[in-house]
Amino acid sequence: MKNRLIALLVLFTVIFFSTAQAQTTARKFEAGKNTFLLDGKPFVVKAAELHYTRIPQAYWEHRIEMCKALGMNTICIYIFWNIHEQEEGKFDFSGQNDIATFCRAAQKHGMYVIVRPGPYVCAEWEMGGLPWWLLKKKDIALRTLDPYYMERVGIFMKEVGKQLAPLQVNKGGNIIMVQVENEYGSYGIDKPYVSAVRDLVRESGFTDVPLFQCDWSSNFTNNALDDLIWTVNFGTGANIDQQFKKLKELRPETPLMCSEFWSGWFDHWGRKHETRPAKDMVQGIKDMLDRNISFSLYMTHGGTTFGHWGGANNPAYSAMCSSYDYDAPISEPGWTTDKFFLLRDLLKNYLPAGETLPAVPAALPV
């Protein structure tokens, strides 16, 4: 009996240290010919967009586990500047704002991470993530080369880098890509500004993983930088070939990715809840996977916009609801939906050889 216990202890020790090493082994993620490469092998990104600000910290791991059980291999996150620097010069990356802990939780469950630090992120969030106090500067021009604005962006990016740059995949972490700005083509044409943001992202420490831009297929060329990966955003019901037509013409050997495939849509106060057909969402993802196209499902779980962080649209003021359910596969309280199981049934057919989907975690009490 004693020998059996010793043998079991040795086996446990070997498994523990092997797992720990696997979670921290340096890897290489890059763009190859018509595909992304992870350690030199083709890799299709199947990302689930989650927002740490919209999920209570106690539920972070549960939602990550649900995404894993859905069939995803990556978590995609925005970084919300205004929640981390609510007062100028005072940064908070603790507790609910602890983005490094969030990324490590994803790594614990075998998930990679895509980071989207803006500085503008949209996301139906207050000022698109820009801090209110920027407006105290008279005549400031946001999202331009305005000196004060760019100074503050640089400070913010360096703080994000302190938290997340050590977690890049080549350093044993799980961050595989970082985005520069956000859908800037629908806002304006200013390559010098986008180039400056790119430089600040790199200077903050994100030098070892690919940087990319996201825009709509109709305007991605407005600010496209030659040294970045180009991705496009579109939603359920879109014609996949048409969305990528221009990108394939300009870069016939680039890996293709839909950086935001919209599972549903956001809700405004006073309007009906937005929904999109589950079968159309699943068919769109199937069409992409059959073409070796990577994607990020925005949103896979929307959660709740707590407090007064909800944004609004213009020109007629139209406020967002606190609910950010988004008609996503995982509902606002974190429950499975018909969309979840339809998508899970699809994604189980696109797993690496020998892998199976983990069990779906039990729902947590609300």
Foldseek 3Di string as FASTA:
>chain_A
DVVVVVVVVVVVVVVVVVVVCVLQAFWAWDWDFQAIDINHHGDFAAEAEDELLQDAPVCLLQLLLQCLLLQGAAYEYEQQQCVQPQDPPHGDCDHSNVVLVSQVSNSNVRHAYEYEHAVAQPLLWAVSRDHPCVPVPPPADPLAVRPVNLVSLLVSLLVVLVRPLCQDRNNRHRYAEYEQHAQCQVVDADQVSSVSSVVSNVVSRNVRHAYAYEHFLVGQVRRDDPRHHYAYADEFPDDVCVRCVVVCVVPVGTHYEHAEYQQWDFDWPPDDDIHDDLVSRLVVVVVQVVSSYHYYYVHQAQAFQPDPTGHFDDPPTITTDRAGQSNHQQGRQGHGDPSSVVSSVVSQVVDPPPDGRDDNDDRDDD
